[in-house]
Amino acid sequence: MKLDSTRSRFKLPQRGFSLVEAMIGMGIIGIVSSGLFASFSTGFTVIRLSREEARATQVMMEKLEVFRLYSWNQVTNQTFVPNGFVAPFVAVGADPGFYYTGTVTIASAPLGTSYDEDLRQVTVDLDWNSKGIQRHREVTTYVSRYGIQNYTY
């Protein structure tokens, strides 16, 4: 009996994937990678909106903190406090033309109490455009005639 050294008497089973198995695997990889891409995209959008909201809060609080230093005459003088303002959004990768626009409104306190003449309601409105969507935030506080501004002068 002659033995052929290039061939084995026992046939080894074929190893590898069939075309159907490869297509199913590629489909699963495609679904997982598209889900991963969508989650990254959503995450970056949430981070961008959080930065915008944090800056909006910072701008509004900055405008309100100024009233701590104003005297009562300055608060009640409508020409002393500027009505409108513009504040930039400064962040890495932000659009260079992105600005917050706002207004400061001072009105009598609508509380219906005996000390209403000693209070003023201060409202800061802030608007900005975020990727084509108009956004708006507002904060309101009260300033008293006998408030902290009397202790800073």
C-alpha atoms as a PDB file:
ATOM      1  CA  MET A   1       0.000   0.000   0.000  1.00  0.00           C
ATOM      2  CA  LYS A   2       1.342   3.308  -1.067  1.00  0.00           C
ATOM      3  CA  LEU A   3       0.916   6.277   1.234  1.00  0.00           C
ATOM      4  CA  ASP A   4       0.442   9.734  -0.209  1.00  0.00           C
ATOM      5  CA  SER A   5       2.258  12.157   2.028  1.00  0.00           C
ATOM      6  CA  THR A   6       0.400  15.243   0.748  1.00  0.00           C
ATOM      7  CA  ARG A   7      -3.025  13.954   1.689  1.00  0.00           C
ATOM      8  CA  SER A   8      -4.277  12.580   4.877  1.00  0.00           C
ATOM      9  CA  ARG A   9      -6.512   9.567   5.041  1.00  0.00           C
ATOM     10  CA  PHE A  10      -8.847  11.463   7.330  1.00  0.00           C
ATOM     11  CA  LYS A  11     -10.638  14.481   5.992  1.00  0.00           C
ATOM     12  CA  LEU A  12     -10.697  17.411   8.471  1.00  0.00           C
ATOM     13  CA  PRO A  13     -13.970  19.268   8.840  1.00  0.00           C
ATOM     14  CA  GLN A  14     -14.171  22.638   7.063  1.00  0.00           C
ATOM     15  CA  ARG A  15     -13.584  25.577   9.346  1.00  0.00           C
ATOM     16  CA  GLY A  16     -14.934  29.082   8.706  1.00  0.00           C
ATOM     17  CA  PHE A  17     -18.215  30.890   8.353  1.00  0.00           C
ATOM     18  CA  SER A  18     -20.813  30.520   5.729  1.00  0.00           C
ATOM     19  CA  LEU A  19     -22.093  33.532   3.806  1.00  0.00           C
ATOM     20  CA  VAL A  20     -25.317  33.606   5.838  1.00  0.00           C
ATOM     21  CA  GLU A  21     -23.429  33.604   9.133  1.00  0.00           C
ATOM     22  CA  ALA A  22     -21.153  36.400   7.944  1.00  0.00           C
ATOM     23  CA  MET A  23     -24.135  38.502   6.822  1.00  0.00           C
ATOM     24  CA  ILE A  24     -25.906  38.030  10.166  1.00  0.00           C
ATOM     25  CA  GLY A  25     -22.718  39.002  12.009  1.00  0.00           C
ATOM     26  CA  MET A  26     -22.285  42.112   9.892  1.00  0.00           C
ATOM     27  CA  GLY A  27     -25.931  43.059  10.520  1.00  0.00           C
ATOM     28  CA  ILE A  28     -25.474  42.745  14.274  1.00  0.00           C
ATOM     29  CA  ILE A  29     -22.298  44.826  14.146  1.00  0.00           C
ATOM     30  CA  GLY A  30     -24.122  47.455  12.070  1.00  0.00           C
ATOM     31  CA  ILE A  31     -27.019  47.702  14.525  1.00  0.00           C
ATOM     32  CA  VAL A  32     -24.704  47.939  17.529  1.00  0.00           C
ATOM     33  CA  SER A  33     -22.457  50.559  15.919  1.00  0.00           C
ATOM     34  CA  SER A  34     -25.419  52.699  14.802  1.00  0.00           C
ATOM     35  CA  GLY A  35     -26.807  52.567  18.353  1.00  0.00           C
ATOM     36  CA  LEU A  36     -23.407  53.556  19.709  1.00  0.00           C
ATOM     37  CA  PHE A  37     -23.202  56.458  17.248  1.00  0.00           C
ATOM     38  CA  ALA A  38     -26.697  57.647  18.200  1.00  0.00           C
ATOM     39  CA  SER A  39     -25.839  57.530  21.908  1.00  0.00           C
ATOM     40  CA  PHE A  40     -22.659  59.576  21.354  1.00  0.00           C
ATOM     41  CA  SER A  41     -24.582  62.103  19.275  1.00  0.00           C
ATOM     42  CA  THR A  42     -27.279  62.434  21.931  1.00  0.00           C
ATOM     43  CA  GLY A  43     -24.660  62.730  24.661  1.00  0.00           C
ATOM     44  CA  PHE A  44     -22.848  65.568  22.880  1.00  0.00           C
ATOM     45  CA  THR A  45     -26.173  67.369  22.346  1.00  0.00           C
ATOM     46  CA  VAL A  46     -27.028  67.076  26.039  1.00  0.00           C
ATOM     47  CA  ILE A  47     -23.587  68.412  26.983  1.00  0.00           C
ATOM     48  CA  ARG A  48     -23.980  71.376  24.597  1.00  0.00           C
ATOM     49  CA  LEU A  49     -27.435  72.220  25.983  1.00  0.00           C
ATOM     50  CA  SER A  50     -26.154  71.905  29.564  1.00  0.00           C
ATOM     51  CA  ARG A  51     -23.348  74.355  28.805  1.00  0.00           C
ATOM     52  CA  GLU A  52     -25.798  76.803  27.269  1.00  0.00           C
ATOM     53  CA  GLU A  53     -28.141  76.522  30.259  1.00  0.00           C
ATOM     54  CA  ALA A  54     -25.280  76.955  32.733  1.00  0.00           C
ATOM     55  CA  ARG A  55     -24.043  80.070  30.920  1.00  0.00           C
ATOM     56  CA  ALA A  56     -27.611  81.453  30.776  1.00  0.00           C
ATOM     57  CA  THR A  57     -27.934  81.007  34.531  1.00  0.00           C
ATOM     58  CA  GLN A  58     -24.561  82.651  35.037  1.00  0.00           C
ATOM     59  CA  VAL A  59     -25.565  85.676  32.925  1.00  0.00           C
ATOM     60  CA  MET A  60     -28.889  86.093  34.750  1.00  0.00           C
ATOM     61  CA  MET A  61     -27.297  85.798  38.206  1.00  0.00           C
ATOM     62  CA  GLU A  62     -24.610  88.276  37.203  1.00  0.00           C
ATOM     63  CA  LYS A  63     -27.291  90.827  36.305  1.00  0.00           C
ATOM     64  CA  LEU A  64     -29.138  90.217  39.579  1.00  0.00           C
ATOM     65  CA  GLU A  65     -25.987  90.435  41.716  1.00  0.00           C
ATOM     66  CA  VAL A  66     -25.422  93.990  40.483  1.00  0.00           C
ATOM     67  CA  PHE A  67     -28.543  95.038  42.382  1.00  0.00           C
ATOM     68  CA  ARG A  68     -26.842  94.148  45.645  1.00  0.00           C
ATOM     69  CA  LEU A  69     -24.572  97.151  45.124  1.00  0.00           C
ATOM     70  CA  TYR A  70     -27.162  99.652  43.901  1.00  0.00           C
ATOM     71  CA  SER A  71     -28.629 102.132  46.334  1.00  0.00           C
ATOM     72  CA  TRP A  72     -32.407 102.390  46.627  1.00  0.00           C
ATOM     73  CA  ASN A  73     -32.381 105.595  44.547  1.00  0.00           C
ATOM     74  CA  GLN A  74     -30.496 103.815  41.779  1.00  0.00           C
ATOM     75  CA  VAL A  75     -32.916 100.873  41.830  1.00  0.00           C
ATOM     76  CA  THR A  76     -35.986 103.097  41.627  1.00  0.00           C
ATOM     77  CA  ASN A  77     -34.485 105.337  38.936  1.00  0.00           C
ATOM     78  CA  GLN A  78     -35.600 103.702  35.664  1.00  0.00           C
ATOM     79  CA  THR A  79     -32.927 105.516  33.639  1.00  0.00           C
ATOM     80  CA  PHE A  80     -30.037 104.269  35.807  1.00  0.00           C
ATOM     81  CA  VAL A  81     -30.523 100.545  35.139  1.00  0.00           C
ATOM     82  CA  PRO A  82     -30.045  99.593  31.468  1.00  0.00           C
ATOM     83  CA  ASN A  83     -33.036  97.720  30.064  1.00  0.00           C
ATOM     84  CA  GLY A  84     -31.294  95.587  27.458  1.00  0.00           C
ATOM     85  CA  PHE A  85     -27.990  93.754  27.341  1.00  0.00           C
ATOM     86  CA  VAL A  86     -26.023  91.284  25.219  1.00  0.00           C
ATOM     87  CA  ALA A  87     -23.725  88.611  26.641  1.00  0.00           C
ATOM     88  CA  PRO A  88     -21.533  86.219  24.629  1.00  0.00           C
ATOM     89  CA  PHE A  89     -21.496  82.458  24.941  1.00  0.00           C
ATOM     90  CA  VAL A  90     -17.834  81.578  25.271  1.00  0.00           C
ATOM     91  CA  ALA A  91     -16.962  77.903  24.909  1.00  0.00           C
ATOM     92  CA  VAL A  92     -14.558  75.776  22.944  1.00  0.00           C
ATOM     93  CA  GLY A  93     -16.011  75.008  19.526  1.00  0.00           C
ATOM     94  CA  ALA A  94     -18.928  77.436  19.883  1.00  0.00           C
ATOM     95  CA  ASP A  95     -20.229  79.456  16.980  1.00  0.00           C
ATOM     96  CA  PRO A  96     -18.586  82.896  16.994  1.00  0.00           C
ATOM     97  CA  GLY A  97     -21.935  84.687  16.523  1.00  0.00           C
ATOM     98  CA  PHE A  98     -23.699  83.097  19.489  1.00  0.00           C
ATOM     99  CA  TYR A  99     -24.986  85.698  21.945  1.00  0.00           C
ATOM    100  CA  TYR A 100     -27.551  85.878  24.708  1.00  0.00           C
ATOM    101  CA  THR A 101     -29.857  88.882  24.563  1.00  0.00           C
ATOM    102  CA  GLY A 102     -31.741  89.965  27.631  1.00  0.00           C
ATOM    103  CA  THR A 103     -33.795  92.588  29.373  1.00  0.00           C
ATOM    104  CA  VAL A 104     -33.977  93.767  32.973  1.00  0.00           C
ATOM    105  CA  THR A 105     -37.386  94.904  34.200  1.00  0.00           C
ATOM    106  CA  ILE A 106     -37.995  96.667  37.502  1.00  0.00           C
ATOM    107  CA  ALA A 107     -41.583  96.919  38.725  1.00  0.00           C
ATOM    108  CA  SER A 108     -43.475  97.466  41.957  1.00  0.00           C
ATOM    109  CA  ALA A 109     -43.833  94.347  44.049  1.00  0.00           C
ATOM    110  CA  PRO A 110     -47.251  92.738  43.418  1.00  0.00           C
ATOM    111  CA  LEU A 111     -47.597  91.316  46.923  1.00  0.00           C
ATOM    112  CA  GLY A 112     -50.465  93.419  48.235  1.00  0.00           C
ATOM    113  CA  THR A 113     -48.795  94.146  51.573  1.00  0.00           C
ATOM    114  CA  SER A 114     -48.181  97.328  53.560  1.00  0.00           C
ATOM    115  CA  TYR A 115     -44.482  97.350  52.631  1.00  0.00           C
ATOM    116  CA  ASP A 116     -44.962  97.123  48.833  1.00  0.00           C
ATOM    117  CA  GLU A 117     -43.494 100.615  48.423  1.00  0.00           C
ATOM    118  CA  ASP A 118     -40.263  99.360  49.997  1.00  0.00           C
ATOM    119  CA  LEU A 119     -39.897  96.486  47.517  1.00  0.00           C
ATOM    120  CA  ARG A 120     -39.202  96.244  43.814  1.00  0.00           C
ATOM    121  CA  GLN A 121     -39.570  93.155  41.668  1.00  0.00           C
ATOM    122  CA  VAL A 122     -36.600  92.641  39.356  1.00  0.00           C
ATOM    123  CA  THR A 123     -37.019  90.289  36.383  1.00  0.00           C
ATOM    124  CA  VAL A 124     -34.256  89.238  34.015  1.00  0.00           C
ATOM    125  CA  ASP A 125     -35.396  87.720  30.689  1.00  0.00           C
ATOM    126  CA  LEU A 126     -32.845  85.955  28.532  1.00  0.00           C
ATOM    127  CA  ASP A 127     -33.199  84.707  24.952  1.00  0.00           C
ATOM    128  CA  TRP A 128     -30.825  82.845  22.677  1.00  0.00           C
ATOM    129  CA  ASN A 129     -30.887  80.754  19.525  1.00  0.00           C
ATOM    130  CA  SER A 130     -29.533  77.235  19.880  1.00  0.00           C
ATOM    131  CA  LYS A 131     -29.094  75.393  16.572  1.00  0.00           C
ATOM    132  CA  GLY A 132     -32.183  77.040  15.106  1.00  0.00           C
ATOM    133  CA  ILE A 133     -34.333  76.661  18.225  1.00  0.00           C
ATOM    134  CA  GLN A 134     -35.276  79.809  20.116  1.00  0.00           C
ATOM    135  CA  ARG A 135     -34.711  79.409  23.868  1.00  0.00           C
ATOM    136  CA  HIS A 136     -35.942  81.607  26.724  1.00  0.00           C
ATOM    137  CA  ARG A 137     -35.218  81.735  30.450  1.00  0.00           C
ATOM    138  CA  GLU A 138     -36.434  84.115  33.141  1.00  0.00           C
ATOM    139  CA  VAL A 139     -35.557  84.757  36.769  1.00  0.00           C
ATOM    140  CA  THR A 140     -37.314  87.066  39.234  1.00  0.00           C
ATOM    141  CA  THR A 141     -36.263  88.401  42.625  1.00  0.00           C
ATOM    142  CA  TYR A 142     -37.126  91.230  45.005  1.00  0.00           C
ATOM    143  CA  VAL A 143     -34.998  94.163  46.121  1.00  0.00           C
ATOM    144  CA  SER A 144     -35.746  95.888  49.416  1.00  0.00           C
ATOM    145  CA  ARG A 145     -35.219  99.512  50.396  1.00  0.00           C
ATOM    146  CA  TYR A 146     -33.551  98.233  53.563  1.00  0.00           C
ATOM    147  CA  GLY A 147     -31.550  95.454  51.944  1.00  0.00           C
ATOM    148  CA  ILE A 148     -27.879  94.559  51.807  1.00  0.00           C
ATOM    149  CA  GLN A 149     -26.980  97.568  49.657  1.00  0.00           C
ATOM    150  CA  ASN A 150     -27.271  99.740  52.803  1.00  0.00           C
ATOM    151  CA  TYR A 151     -24.403  97.835  54.407  1.00  0.00           C
ATOM    152  CA  THR A 152     -21.964  98.069  51.517  1.00  0.00           C
ATOM    153  CA  TYR A 153     -21.679 101.858  51.415  1.00  0.00           C
END
